[in-house]
Amino acid sequence: MVEAYTFSSTILREYDIRGKVGDDLTNQDAYMIGCAFGSYVREDGGRKICVGYDGRESSPIFAKELIRGLNDVGIDVENIGLGPTPMLYFSVKDRMADAGVMITGSHNPPEYNGFKMMMQNKIVYGQTIQDIGLIAATGGIKTPENKGSYREIDVKEAYVARMLRDLDVSKDYKIAWDCGNGAAGEIVQMLTAKLPGEHILLFEDIDGTFPNHHPDPTVKKNLKDLIDTVLSEKCDLGVAFDGDGDRIGAVDEKGQFIPCDKLIAIYAKEILEEHPYAPIIADVKCSQTLFDEIARLKGEPVMWKCGHSLVKAKMAETKAPLAGELSGHIFFADKWYGFDDGIYSALRLMNALNESDDVASALTAHIPETFVTEEIRFEVDEAEKFDLAERIASNIRKKYDNDNAEGEDKVTIIDIDGIRVTLPYGWWLMRPSNTQNVLVTRAEAKDAASLEKIKEMIQTEVNAIGYSVDFEE
């Protein structure tokens, strides 16, 4: 029997367990996560768990302590070692493990780390993560007489080979790959060595201090080196990944950033040709042009909540062959396994480019350009964070008689994740962050004047609940 243990409340997040190393996330936490999650899996009837870790300095020791905890509660462990998160997801599917744990801080600063958990046939998030914490806190961890087994396995070749099965390219492309010193580096080296064409790798050495740039491929300043390389080397395409390789960023042959909602539109074309009228999921942050494009392609656009775990759950519910988030998580379930994989997404982008027989910028040239804000965050009282969006929605409903409104007075509110306020000339979003005491807002409009009008509306409504938002930050 393991003694009761209480995790810091700040590390039990919506989608994972994550914190600052040595502060609220320690070696003892890693051991107890192994004990608690292992107990949860055993209670569910499981016995075998795959474990992987990223390139952060704290990850190997956290892996060792996690595995010790898993073994102590009778779990058989297969350690796949250093690599990207989607390789861990692949190992669970490919080896028919009951669950998996990836030790990664994703795109967070080097001093952070975390634990992403998955099951073979269910999503681990939300209340389940709280339940795992409760197992530890209530002394619900039992150590059987026989400990679990341990072995190290190498799934890299199998993972690369499986991705290559879905490559359908007949041309030789020149592509730049920015690994950002993240955990995808070795796999990208192995993969590109087997690809046709010419491939230029940037920052492929795995280094958890991220010496060249922060590994978040959806932030344009982090793509400067990639853009410079694409332009100077006259590449057909550039792709980049976050710290654990489950998110993608991309630039076209002109060095222009391709927003992830446009990437989803590119993927949707191919998938809907093979699966007409299928549901395609995108989160509430995505452009209205994406949902319009899915409908034009004779798909069923499904707007859903932000968060990779929530999207995966919705995919399972709707049996959608494709889903994506503006943050760069892309989920393929038509040929792939339904999990988010930035490296695999790069191959599917190569397929789309090959199918088009045109340059990358032409893939979305038909989609209307819009005017958008960056994602703006402003601090609010944590205690009322989740009520504020509904207060704004209530105020808007009182102002607008939508039963009789016409033209520019027509306002529609979608409340699946915070509120998305739709107007005839654009929309704006207000949602609470799941990880910080902030509200998040962004807006999109058909033209610059309309965007300014929407920003004024946001500011008015935010002021009405006692806060302010600065669009000039």
Protein backbone atom coordinates (compact mmCIF):
# COMPACT_ATOMS: atom_id res chain seq x y z
CA MET A 1 0.00 0.00 0.00
CA VAL A 2 1.33 3.42 -1.00
CA GLU A 3 0.63 6.27 1.42
CA ALA A 4 -1.87 8.92 0.43
CA TYR A 5 -0.36 11.77 -1.58
CA THR A 6 -1.83 15.08 -2.66
CA PHE A 7 -0.67 16.69 -5.90
CA SER A 8 -0.47 20.45 -6.18
CA SER A 9 -3.87 21.58 -7.46
CA THR A 10 -2.16 23.66 -10.15
CA ILE A 11 -0.71 20.66 -12.02
CA LEU A 12 -3.94 18.68 -12.57
CA ARG A 13 -4.97 20.40 -15.80
CA GLU A 14 -7.84 19.87 -18.23
CA TYR A 15 -5.83 17.85 -20.76
CA ASP A 16 -2.71 16.71 -18.89
CA ILE A 17 -0.67 16.96 -15.70
CA ARG A 18 1.81 19.83 -16.07
CA GLY A 19 3.90 22.15 -13.94
CA LYS A 20 7.21 23.85 -13.25
CA VAL A 21 9.98 21.34 -12.59
CA GLY A 22 11.24 21.34 -9.01
CA ASP A 23 8.50 23.71 -7.94
CA ASP A 24 5.06 22.11 -8.29
CA LEU A 25 6.24 19.08 -10.33
CA THR A 26 8.85 16.82 -8.71
CA ASN A 27 10.33 13.34 -8.99
CA GLN A 28 7.94 12.22 -6.26
CA ASP A 29 5.04 13.53 -8.33
CA ALA A 30 6.28 11.47 -11.28
CA TYR A 31 6.39 8.33 -9.14
CA MET A 32 2.92 8.96 -7.72
CA ILE A 33 1.49 9.65 -11.18
CA GLY A 34 2.78 6.22 -12.15
CA CYS A 35 1.15 4.65 -9.11
CA ALA A 36 -2.17 6.47 -9.51
CA PHE A 37 -2.54 6.16 -13.29
CA GLY A 38 -1.37 2.55 -13.15
CA SER A 39 -4.03 1.84 -10.52
CA TYR A 40 -6.65 3.53 -12.70
CA VAL A 41 -5.65 1.41 -15.69
CA ARG A 42 -5.68 -1.80 -13.66
CA GLU A 43 -9.11 -0.96 -12.28
CA ASP A 44 -10.22 -0.59 -15.90
CA GLY A 45 -8.89 -4.07 -16.67
CA GLY A 46 -5.58 -3.03 -18.27
CA ARG A 47 -2.09 -4.30 -17.61
CA LYS A 48 0.34 -2.95 -20.26
CA ILE A 49 1.39 0.72 -20.69
CA CYS A 50 3.80 2.30 -23.18
CA VAL A 51 5.95 5.19 -21.94
CA GLY A 52 7.82 7.82 -23.96
CA TYR A 53 9.51 11.13 -23.23
CA ASP A 54 10.70 14.31 -24.94
CA GLY A 55 14.10 16.01 -24.98
CA ARG A 56 13.78 18.14 -21.86
CA GLU A 57 16.50 17.74 -19.27
CA SER A 58 14.02 16.57 -16.64
CA SER A 59 12.26 14.03 -18.86
CA PRO A 60 14.55 10.95 -18.47
CA ILE A 61 14.43 11.03 -14.66
CA PHE A 62 10.69 11.67 -14.69
CA ALA A 63 10.34 8.64 -16.99
CA LYS A 64 12.38 6.51 -14.59
CA GLU A 65 10.24 7.52 -11.60
CA LEU A 66 6.97 7.16 -13.52
CA ILE A 67 7.94 3.65 -14.64
CA ARG A 68 8.92 2.69 -11.08
CA GLY A 69 5.45 3.73 -9.93
CA LEU A 70 3.74 1.84 -12.76
CA ASN A 71 5.75 -1.31 -12.02
CA ASP A 72 5.02 -1.06 -8.28
CA VAL A 73 1.28 -1.30 -8.94
CA GLY A 74 1.66 -4.29 -11.24
CA ILE A 75 1.79 -2.59 -14.64
CA ASP A 76 3.94 -4.06 -17.43
CA VAL A 77 5.86 -1.23 -19.09
CA GLU A 78 7.25 -0.91 -22.59
CA ASN A 79 9.61 2.07 -22.68
CA ILE A 80 9.82 3.49 -26.22
CA GLY A 81 12.34 6.12 -25.14
CA LEU A 82 12.97 9.57 -26.58
CA GLY A 83 10.69 10.75 -29.36
CA PRO A 84 7.61 12.81 -30.28
CA THR A 85 4.24 12.43 -28.59
CA PRO A 86 2.53 10.96 -31.69
CA MET A 87 5.12 8.16 -31.72
CA LEU A 88 3.89 7.26 -28.22
CA TYR A 89 0.29 7.35 -29.45
CA PHE A 90 1.32 5.12 -32.37
CA SER A 91 3.04 2.62 -30.08
CA VAL A 92 -0.12 2.23 -27.98
CA LYS A 93 -2.19 1.54 -31.10
CA ASP A 94 0.38 -0.58 -32.89
CA ARG A 95 1.35 -2.72 -29.91
CA MET A 96 -2.18 -2.96 -28.55
CA ALA A 97 -1.17 -1.56 -25.17
CA ASP A 98 -3.90 -0.69 -22.71
CA ALA A 99 -2.60 2.85 -22.19
CA GLY A 100 0.28 5.23 -22.73
CA VAL A 101 2.04 8.07 -20.94
CA MET A 102 4.13 10.72 -22.67
CA ILE A 103 6.40 12.89 -20.57
CA THR A 104 6.53 16.24 -22.32
CA GLY A 105 6.27 19.95 -21.76
CA SER A 106 5.12 20.38 -25.37
CA HIS A 107 5.81 24.00 -26.44
CA ASN A 108 6.11 25.37 -22.89
CA PRO A 109 9.39 26.96 -21.70
CA PRO A 110 12.27 24.58 -20.79
CA GLU A 111 11.62 24.80 -17.04
CA TYR A 112 8.21 23.14 -17.47
CA ASN A 113 7.29 19.52 -18.02
CA GLY A 114 4.20 17.36 -17.95
CA PHE A 115 2.46 14.04 -18.49
CA LYS A 116 0.00 13.31 -21.31
CA MET A 117 -2.02 10.15 -20.74
CA MET A 118 -4.11 8.08 -23.12
CA MET A 119 -6.03 4.82 -23.15
CA GLN A 120 -6.45 2.41 -26.04
CA ASN A 121 -10.17 3.07 -26.35
CA LYS A 122 -10.93 6.21 -24.33
CA ILE A 123 -9.71 9.77 -23.87
CA VAL A 124 -8.00 10.82 -20.63
CA TYR A 125 -8.92 14.42 -19.77
CA GLY A 126 -11.07 16.58 -17.52
CA GLN A 127 -12.67 14.67 -14.67
CA THR A 128 -10.58 11.57 -15.36
CA ILE A 129 -7.42 13.52 -14.52
CA GLN A 130 -9.05 14.73 -11.32
CA ASP A 131 -10.01 11.12 -10.54
CA ILE A 132 -6.39 10.04 -10.94
CA GLY A 133 -5.40 12.72 -8.44
CA LEU A 134 -8.13 11.47 -6.10
CA ILE A 135 -6.78 7.90 -6.25
CA ALA A 136 -3.48 9.20 -4.85
CA ALA A 137 -5.06 11.56 -2.31
CA THR A 138 -7.37 8.95 -0.79
CA GLY A 139 -4.77 6.22 -0.43
CA GLY A 140 -6.40 4.12 -3.12
CA ILE A 141 -3.11 2.77 -4.47
CA LYS A 142 -2.45 -0.90 -3.84
CA THR A 143 0.85 -2.61 -4.57
CA PRO A 144 0.39 -6.27 -5.56
CA GLU A 145 2.86 -8.96 -4.57
CA ASN A 146 4.14 -9.30 -8.12
CA LYS A 147 5.49 -6.13 -9.70
CA GLY A 148 5.02 -5.35 -13.37
CA SER A 149 7.62 -6.20 -16.00
CA TYR A 150 9.85 -3.75 -17.86
CA ARG A 151 11.48 -3.72 -21.26
CA GLU A 152 12.82 -1.17 -23.70
CA ILE A 153 11.56 -1.26 -27.27
CA ASP A 154 12.35 0.69 -30.43
CA VAL A 155 9.31 1.65 -32.50
CA LYS A 156 10.97 4.34 -34.63
CA GLU A 157 11.36 2.27 -37.80
CA ALA A 158 7.82 0.91 -37.49
CA TYR A 159 6.42 4.41 -36.96
CA VAL A 160 8.24 5.86 -39.96
CA ALA A 161 7.28 2.89 -42.15
CA ARG A 162 3.62 3.23 -41.19
CA MET A 163 3.59 6.94 -42.06
CA LEU A 164 5.19 6.28 -45.42
CA ARG A 165 2.40 3.87 -46.32
CA ASP A 166 0.09 6.87 -46.69
CA LEU A 167 2.46 8.97 -48.80
CA ASP A 168 1.21 9.44 -52.36
CA VAL A 169 3.68 11.69 -54.14
CA SER A 170 4.99 11.36 -57.68
CA LYS A 171 7.04 14.58 -57.85
CA ASP A 172 10.34 15.62 -56.31
CA TYR A 173 9.69 18.50 -53.95
CA LYS A 174 12.15 20.71 -52.12
CA ILE A 175 10.94 21.09 -48.54
CA ALA A 176 12.34 22.77 -45.44
CA TRP A 177 11.62 21.11 -42.09
CA ASP A 178 12.05 23.12 -38.86
CA CYS A 179 12.21 20.72 -35.93
CA GLY A 180 12.81 23.53 -33.42
CA ASN A 181 15.22 21.29 -31.43
CA GLY A 182 12.10 19.42 -30.29
CA ALA A 183 11.43 15.72 -29.88
CA ALA A 184 10.51 15.24 -33.55
CA GLY A 185 14.11 15.73 -34.73
CA GLU A 186 15.31 12.14 -35.02
CA ILE A 187 12.09 10.91 -36.61
CA VAL A 188 12.15 13.72 -39.18
CA GLN A 189 15.73 12.78 -40.05
CA MET A 190 14.74 9.13 -40.53
CA LEU A 191 11.63 10.05 -42.50
CA THR A 192 13.17 12.58 -44.89
CA ALA A 193 15.99 10.14 -45.69
CA LYS A 194 13.33 7.92 -47.25
CA LEU A 195 11.36 10.66 -49.05
CA PRO A 196 11.73 11.62 -52.71
CA GLY A 197 13.00 15.10 -53.50
CA GLU A 198 15.32 17.39 -51.54
CA HIS A 199 14.85 18.10 -47.84
CA ILE A 200 16.51 20.80 -45.76
CA LEU A 201 16.42 20.22 -42.00
CA LEU A 202 16.64 23.03 -39.45
CA PHE A 203 17.42 22.52 -35.75
CA GLU A 204 16.96 18.75 -35.95
CA ASP A 205 19.21 18.09 -32.94
CA ILE A 206 17.02 17.42 -29.91
CA ASP A 207 17.79 19.97 -27.20
CA GLY A 208 15.30 20.63 -24.43
CA THR A 209 16.69 24.13 -23.81
CA PHE A 210 15.47 25.17 -27.31
CA PRO A 211 18.53 27.30 -28.11
CA ASN A 212 17.36 28.61 -31.50
CA HIS A 213 13.71 29.59 -31.07
CA HIS A 214 10.67 28.71 -29.00
CA PRO A 215 9.02 25.57 -30.44
CA ASP A 216 5.54 26.91 -31.15
CA PRO A 217 4.96 26.75 -34.92
CA THR A 218 1.78 28.82 -34.94
CA VAL A 219 3.57 31.95 -33.69
CA LYS A 220 4.91 33.72 -36.78
CA LYS A 221 8.10 35.05 -35.17
CA ASN A 222 9.16 31.45 -34.46
CA LEU A 223 8.99 30.70 -38.19
CA LYS A 224 11.55 33.34 -39.27
CA ASP A 225 14.32 30.82 -39.89
CA LEU A 226 11.96 28.56 -41.80
CA ILE A 227 10.66 31.41 -43.95
CA ASP A 228 14.21 32.64 -44.68
CA THR A 229 15.21 29.12 -45.74
CA VAL A 230 12.17 28.61 -47.95
CA LEU A 231 12.87 31.87 -49.76
CA SER A 232 16.66 31.58 -50.05
CA GLU A 233 16.58 27.92 -51.10
CA LYS A 234 13.49 28.33 -53.32
CA CYS A 235 11.61 25.56 -51.52
CA ASP A 236 8.18 24.34 -52.53
CA LEU A 237 7.01 24.20 -48.91
CA GLY A 238 8.14 24.67 -45.33
CA VAL A 239 6.86 22.84 -42.26
CA ALA A 240 7.56 23.21 -38.55
CA PHE A 241 6.63 21.38 -35.36
CA ASP A 242 6.14 22.13 -31.69
CA GLY A 243 8.28 20.71 -28.89
CA ASP A 244 6.67 17.27 -28.86
CA GLY A 245 5.72 17.00 -32.53
CA ASP A 246 1.95 16.78 -32.28
CA ARG A 247 1.32 20.21 -33.88
CA ILE A 248 2.21 21.55 -37.31
CA GLY A 249 2.90 24.96 -38.77
CA ALA A 250 3.46 25.59 -42.49
CA VAL A 251 4.55 28.23 -44.98
CA ASP A 252 4.07 28.24 -48.74
CA GLU A 253 6.65 28.75 -51.50
CA LYS A 254 6.36 32.53 -51.04
CA GLY A 255 7.25 32.23 -47.36
CA GLN A 256 3.69 33.09 -46.34
CA PHE A 257 2.33 31.51 -43.19
CA ILE A 258 -0.56 29.12 -43.87
CA PRO A 259 -2.99 29.43 -40.92
CA CYS A 260 -4.02 26.09 -39.53
CA ASP A 261 -7.68 26.59 -40.42
CA LYS A 262 -6.55 26.87 -44.04
CA LEU A 263 -4.54 23.68 -43.61
CA ILE A 264 -7.72 21.94 -42.44
CA ALA A 265 -9.46 23.20 -45.59
CA ILE A 266 -6.67 21.71 -47.72
CA TYR A 267 -6.97 18.34 -46.00
CA ALA A 268 -10.77 18.42 -46.15
CA LYS A 269 -10.74 18.53 -49.97
CA GLU A 270 -8.93 15.21 -50.27
CA ILE A 271 -10.87 13.51 -47.51
CA LEU A 272 -14.30 14.62 -48.70
CA GLU A 273 -13.55 13.31 -52.17
CA GLU A 274 -13.24 9.88 -50.58
CA HIS A 275 -15.82 10.38 -47.80
CA PRO A 276 -18.53 12.68 -49.21
CA TYR A 277 -20.88 14.35 -46.72
CA ALA A 278 -18.68 13.30 -43.78
CA PRO A 279 -18.47 15.52 -40.68
CA ILE A 280 -15.30 17.61 -40.43
CA ILE A 281 -14.58 19.12 -37.01
CA ALA A 282 -12.86 22.44 -36.28
CA ASP A 283 -12.66 24.41 -33.06
CA VAL A 284 -14.48 27.68 -32.36
CA LYS A 285 -11.35 29.76 -33.03
CA CYS A 286 -11.30 28.81 -36.71
CA SER A 287 -12.28 31.13 -39.54
CA GLN A 288 -15.82 31.14 -40.85
CA THR A 289 -14.26 30.66 -44.28
CA LEU A 290 -13.21 27.15 -43.18
CA PHE A 291 -16.72 26.12 -42.23
CA ASP A 292 -18.01 27.63 -45.49
CA GLU A 293 -15.36 25.72 -47.44
CA ILE A 294 -16.25 22.40 -45.79
CA ALA A 295 -19.90 22.96 -46.75
CA ARG A 296 -18.88 23.92 -50.31
CA LEU A 297 -16.97 20.64 -50.56
CA LYS A 298 -20.17 18.84 -49.52
CA GLY A 299 -18.96 18.02 -46.04
CA GLU A 300 -20.73 18.59 -42.74
CA PRO A 301 -18.94 21.40 -40.85
CA VAL A 302 -18.92 20.77 -37.09
CA MET A 303 -17.81 23.59 -34.80
CA TRP A 304 -16.52 22.31 -31.48
CA LYS A 305 -14.70 23.21 -28.27
CA CYS A 306 -10.98 23.98 -28.07
CA GLY A 307 -8.65 21.33 -26.69
CA HIS A 308 -7.11 18.29 -28.34
CA SER A 309 -8.72 15.85 -25.89
CA LEU A 310 -12.17 17.37 -26.42
CA VAL A 311 -11.74 17.23 -30.19
CA LYS A 312 -10.70 13.57 -30.05
CA ALA A 313 -13.78 12.76 -28.00
CA LYS A 314 -16.00 14.55 -30.53
CA MET A 315 -14.33 12.66 -33.37
CA ALA A 316 -15.15 9.37 -31.69
CA GLU A 317 -18.74 10.48 -31.17
CA THR A 318 -19.32 11.68 -34.76
CA LYS A 319 -16.95 9.26 -36.52
CA ALA A 320 -15.41 12.24 -38.30
CA PRO A 321 -12.48 11.35 -40.60
CA LEU A 322 -10.78 14.72 -40.01
CA ALA A 323 -10.60 17.34 -37.28
CA GLY A 324 -8.34 20.25 -36.49
CA GLU A 325 -7.64 23.21 -34.26
CA LEU A 326 -6.28 26.65 -35.03
CA SER A 327 -3.43 25.78 -32.63
CA GLY A 328 -2.04 23.26 -35.14
CA HIS A 329 -3.42 19.98 -33.81
CA ILE A 330 -4.60 18.04 -36.88
CA PHE A 331 -6.37 14.69 -36.44
CA PHE A 332 -6.72 12.18 -39.29
CA ALA A 333 -8.99 9.17 -38.86
CA ASP A 334 -9.51 8.19 -42.49
CA LYS A 335 -6.27 6.24 -42.90
CA TRP A 336 -4.49 7.17 -39.67
CA TYR A 337 -5.49 6.46 -36.06
CA GLY A 338 -7.39 9.61 -35.11
CA PHE A 339 -4.68 11.22 -32.99
CA ASP A 340 -2.89 14.53 -33.60
CA ASP A 341 0.42 14.13 -35.40
CA GLY A 342 2.34 17.06 -36.87
CA ILE A 343 4.81 14.89 -38.81
CA TYR A 344 2.10 12.78 -40.42
CA SER A 345 0.21 15.99 -41.22
CA ALA A 346 3.27 17.17 -43.16
CA LEU A 347 3.11 14.06 -45.35
CA ARG A 348 -0.58 14.60 -46.01
CA LEU A 349 0.25 18.19 -47.02
CA MET A 350 2.77 16.79 -49.51
CA ASN A 351 -0.02 14.58 -50.88
CA ALA A 352 -2.30 17.59 -51.32
CA LEU A 353 0.43 19.55 -53.07
CA ASN A 354 1.09 16.63 -55.42
CA GLU A 355 -2.61 16.19 -56.17
CA SER A 356 -3.04 19.87 -57.02
CA ASP A 357 -0.20 19.88 -59.56
CA ASP A 358 0.34 23.52 -58.54
CA VAL A 359 2.29 25.61 -56.04
CA ALA A 360 1.44 25.59 -52.33
CA SER A 361 0.00 29.12 -52.34
CA ALA A 362 -2.57 28.02 -54.93
CA LEU A 363 -4.08 25.44 -52.56
CA THR A 364 -6.07 28.10 -50.70
CA ALA A 365 -6.07 30.95 -53.21
CA HIS A 366 -9.82 30.54 -53.75
CA ILE A 367 -10.64 31.02 -50.05
CA PRO A 368 -11.67 34.63 -49.30
CA GLU A 369 -9.16 36.70 -47.35
CA THR A 370 -10.44 38.11 -44.08
CA PHE A 371 -9.25 40.60 -41.50
CA VAL A 372 -8.45 39.08 -38.12
CA THR A 373 -7.03 40.01 -34.76
CA GLU A 374 -4.38 38.05 -32.95
CA GLU A 375 -5.56 36.02 -29.99
CA ILE A 376 -5.86 38.54 -27.13
CA ARG A 377 -5.80 37.47 -23.47
CA PHE A 378 -6.76 39.63 -20.50
CA GLU A 379 -6.68 38.76 -16.84
CA VAL A 380 -9.91 38.25 -14.88
CA ASP A 381 -10.87 37.02 -11.43
CA GLU A 382 -10.35 33.23 -11.40
CA ALA A 383 -13.44 32.74 -9.23
CA GLU A 384 -15.76 34.24 -11.86
CA LYS A 385 -13.82 33.31 -15.01
CA PHE A 386 -16.28 30.70 -16.26
CA ASP A 387 -19.33 32.94 -15.70
CA LEU A 388 -18.11 36.04 -17.51
CA ALA A 389 -18.74 34.92 -21.09
CA GLU A 390 -22.34 34.06 -20.24
CA ARG A 391 -22.78 37.47 -18.60
CA ILE A 392 -21.63 39.08 -21.84
CA ALA A 393 -23.99 36.84 -23.81
CA SER A 394 -26.88 37.80 -21.53
CA ASN A 395 -26.16 41.51 -22.04
CA ILE A 396 -26.05 41.07 -25.82
CA ARG A 397 -29.35 39.18 -25.88
CA LYS A 398 -30.99 42.03 -23.98
CA LYS A 399 -29.73 44.57 -26.53
CA TYR A 400 -30.68 42.74 -29.70
CA ASP A 401 -34.14 41.46 -30.62
CA ASN A 402 -32.93 38.70 -32.89
CA ASP A 403 -36.39 37.34 -33.59
CA ASN A 404 -37.12 40.45 -35.65
CA ALA A 405 -33.64 41.74 -36.46
CA GLU A 406 -32.49 42.07 -40.05
CA GLY A 407 -29.30 43.02 -41.85
CA GLU A 408 -26.46 44.35 -39.70
CA ASP A 409 -28.58 44.15 -36.57
CA LYS A 410 -28.75 40.35 -36.74
CA VAL A 411 -26.66 38.77 -33.97
CA THR A 412 -26.25 35.04 -33.34
CA ILE A 413 -24.54 33.59 -30.28
CA ILE A 414 -22.94 30.13 -30.31
CA ASP A 415 -22.14 29.00 -26.78
CA ILE A 416 -20.40 25.63 -27.13
CA ASP A 417 -17.13 27.02 -25.71
CA GLY A 418 -17.48 30.47 -24.22
CA ILE A 419 -19.40 32.53 -26.77
CA ARG A 420 -18.91 33.08 -30.49
CA VAL A 421 -20.89 36.15 -31.53
CA THR A 422 -21.75 36.08 -35.23
CA LEU A 423 -22.66 39.22 -37.16
CA PRO A 424 -23.45 39.70 -40.87
CA TYR A 425 -19.97 41.16 -41.41
CA GLY A 426 -17.88 38.92 -39.13
CA TRP A 427 -17.68 37.31 -35.71
CA TRP A 428 -15.88 37.45 -32.40
CA LEU A 429 -15.04 34.94 -29.71
CA MET A 430 -14.84 35.20 -25.94
CA ARG A 431 -13.90 32.09 -23.97
CA PRO A 432 -12.28 31.30 -20.62
CA SER A 433 -8.84 29.71 -20.67
CA ASN A 434 -8.73 26.24 -19.15
CA THR A 435 -5.23 26.83 -17.78
CA GLN A 436 -4.98 30.52 -16.80
CA ASN A 437 -7.09 33.20 -15.08
CA VAL A 438 -7.75 34.91 -18.41
CA LEU A 439 -10.44 35.37 -21.01
CA VAL A 440 -9.37 34.83 -24.61
CA THR A 441 -10.80 36.85 -27.47
CA ARG A 442 -10.23 37.10 -31.21
CA ALA A 443 -12.24 38.52 -34.10
CA GLU A 444 -12.63 38.11 -37.84
CA ALA A 445 -14.31 40.43 -40.36
CA LYS A 446 -14.83 40.80 -44.09
CA ASP A 447 -12.97 44.12 -44.24
CA ALA A 448 -10.86 46.44 -42.08
CA ALA A 449 -13.71 48.80 -41.22
CA SER A 450 -15.89 45.93 -40.05
CA LEU A 451 -13.06 44.57 -37.90
CA GLU A 452 -12.76 47.93 -36.15
CA LYS A 453 -16.51 47.90 -35.57
CA ILE A 454 -16.31 44.43 -34.02
CA LYS A 455 -13.39 45.44 -31.81
CA GLU A 456 -15.43 48.38 -30.52
CA MET A 457 -18.30 46.03 -29.74
CA ILE A 458 -15.99 43.70 -27.83
CA GLN A 459 -14.55 46.56 -25.83
CA THR A 460 -18.02 47.85 -24.98
CA GLU A 461 -19.20 44.44 -23.78
CA VAL A 462 -16.02 43.76 -21.79
CA ASN A 463 -16.24 47.16 -20.13
CA ALA A 464 -19.84 46.37 -19.15
CA ILE A 465 -18.63 43.46 -16.98
CA GLY A 466 -15.90 45.52 -15.33
CA TYR A 467 -12.83 44.67 -17.41
CA SER A 468 -10.97 46.02 -20.43
CA VAL A 469 -9.18 44.49 -23.39
CA ASP A 470 -6.22 46.01 -25.23
CA PHE A 471 -6.06 45.19 -28.94
CA GLU A 472 -2.83 47.15 -29.34
CA GLU A 473 -0.68 44.76 -27.30
